């Protein structure tokens, strides 16, 4: 297992700076290793956006 995937499992994603774009006024990019979508919260600070449940309510997924 590559070390990049281990760091992603621990929540330490690395953003591909070449493929970032603006969506709804925020910078959005993907992780270099696991391709997870990331949003830029502050300059240099990227977060995983919350997952929307498509209106299914409080039932567990």
C-alpha atoms as a PDB file:
ATOM      1  CA  UNK A   1       0.000   0.000   0.000  1.00  0.00           C
ATOM      2  CA  UNK A   2       1.530   3.375  -0.971  1.00  0.00           C
ATOM      3  CA  UNK A   3       2.361   5.810   1.805  1.00  0.00           C
ATOM      4  CA  UNK A   4       0.104   8.434   0.194  1.00  0.00           C
ATOM      5  CA  UNK A   5      -2.964   6.279   0.748  1.00  0.00           C
ATOM      6  CA  UNK A   6      -1.992   5.744   4.383  1.00  0.00           C
ATOM      7  CA  UNK A   7      -1.754   9.490   4.930  1.00  0.00           C
ATOM      8  CA  UNK A   8      -5.166   9.951   3.254  1.00  0.00           C
ATOM      9  CA  UNK A   9      -6.648   7.365   5.613  1.00  0.00           C
ATOM     10  CA  UNK A  10      -5.368   9.503   8.488  1.00  0.00           C
ATOM     11  CA  UNK A  11      -6.961  12.615   6.970  1.00  0.00           C
ATOM     12  CA  UNK A  12      -3.827  14.259   5.574  1.00  0.00           C
ATOM     13  CA  UNK A  13      -4.722  14.768   1.922  1.00  0.00           C
ATOM     14  CA  UNK A  14      -2.502  16.561  -0.613  1.00  0.00           C
ATOM     15  CA  UNK A  15      -4.180  18.785  -3.199  1.00  0.00           C
ATOM     16  CA  UNK A  16      -3.199  18.802  -6.867  1.00  0.00           C
ATOM     17  CA  UNK A  17      -2.593  22.524  -7.411  1.00  0.00           C
ATOM     18  CA  UNK A  18      -2.763  22.260 -11.207  1.00  0.00           C
ATOM     19  CA  UNK A  19      -6.418  21.143 -11.346  1.00  0.00           C
ATOM     20  CA  UNK A  20      -8.110  23.495  -8.866  1.00  0.00           C
ATOM     21  CA  UNK A  21     -11.084  25.565 -10.005  1.00  0.00           C
ATOM     22  CA  UNK A  22     -13.662  27.932  -8.530  1.00  0.00           C
ATOM     23  CA  UNK A  23     -17.107  26.542  -7.737  1.00  0.00           C
ATOM     24  CA  UNK A  24     -19.655  28.816  -6.021  1.00  0.00           C
ATOM     25  CA  UNK A  25     -16.910  31.250  -5.056  1.00  0.00           C
ATOM     26  CA  UNK A  26     -14.627  28.666  -3.411  1.00  0.00           C
ATOM     27  CA  UNK A  27     -11.578  26.848  -4.711  1.00  0.00           C
ATOM     28  CA  UNK A  28     -12.204  23.134  -5.233  1.00  0.00           C
ATOM     29  CA  UNK A  29      -9.622  20.478  -6.023  1.00  0.00           C
ATOM     30  CA  UNK A  30      -8.909  16.778  -5.685  1.00  0.00           C
ATOM     31  CA  UNK A  31      -6.476  14.827  -3.536  1.00  0.00           C
ATOM     32  CA  UNK A  32      -3.359  13.701  -5.353  1.00  0.00           C
ATOM     33  CA  UNK A  33      -3.526  10.146  -3.994  1.00  0.00           C
ATOM     34  CA  UNK A  34      -7.160   9.146  -3.403  1.00  0.00           C
ATOM     35  CA  UNK A  35      -9.006  11.649  -5.667  1.00  0.00           C
ATOM     36  CA  UNK A  36     -11.230  12.879  -2.767  1.00  0.00           C
ATOM     37  CA  UNK A  37     -12.891  16.252  -3.431  1.00  0.00           C
ATOM     38  CA  UNK A  38     -11.454  19.030  -1.227  1.00  0.00           C
ATOM     39  CA  UNK A  39     -12.535  22.648  -0.643  1.00  0.00           C
ATOM     40  CA  UNK A  40     -10.255  25.493   0.334  1.00  0.00           C
ATOM     41  CA  UNK A  41     -11.514  26.917   3.636  1.00  0.00           C
ATOM     42  CA  UNK A  42      -8.724  29.475   4.116  1.00  0.00           C
ATOM     43  CA  UNK A  43      -5.614  30.134   2.035  1.00  0.00           C
ATOM     44  CA  UNK A  44      -3.543  26.963   2.315  1.00  0.00           C
ATOM     45  CA  UNK A  45      -6.125  25.070   4.418  1.00  0.00           C
ATOM     46  CA  UNK A  46      -8.148  22.404   2.596  1.00  0.00           C
ATOM     47  CA  UNK A  47     -11.081  20.445   4.045  1.00  0.00           C
ATOM     48  CA  UNK A  48     -13.258  17.558   2.909  1.00  0.00           C
ATOM     49  CA  UNK A  49     -16.724  19.084   2.305  1.00  0.00           C
ATOM     50  CA  UNK A  50     -19.654  17.542   4.182  1.00  0.00           C
ATOM     51  CA  UNK A  51     -21.564  14.811   2.372  1.00  0.00           C
ATOM     52  CA  UNK A  52     -25.166  15.674   1.538  1.00  0.00           C
ATOM     53  CA  UNK A  53     -27.682  12.910   2.157  1.00  0.00           C
ATOM     54  CA  UNK A  54     -29.972  13.607  -0.844  1.00  0.00           C
ATOM     55  CA  UNK A  55     -32.991  14.197   1.363  1.00  0.00           C
ATOM     56  CA  UNK A  56     -33.089  10.754   2.937  1.00  0.00           C
ATOM     57  CA  UNK A  57     -33.409  12.094   6.475  1.00  0.00           C
ATOM     58  CA  UNK A  58     -31.724  10.925   9.680  1.00  0.00           C
ATOM     59  CA  UNK A  59     -31.471   7.219   8.748  1.00  0.00           C
ATOM     60  CA  UNK A  60     -27.970   5.746   8.875  1.00  0.00           C
ATOM     61  CA  UNK A  61     -26.156   5.153   5.636  1.00  0.00           C
END
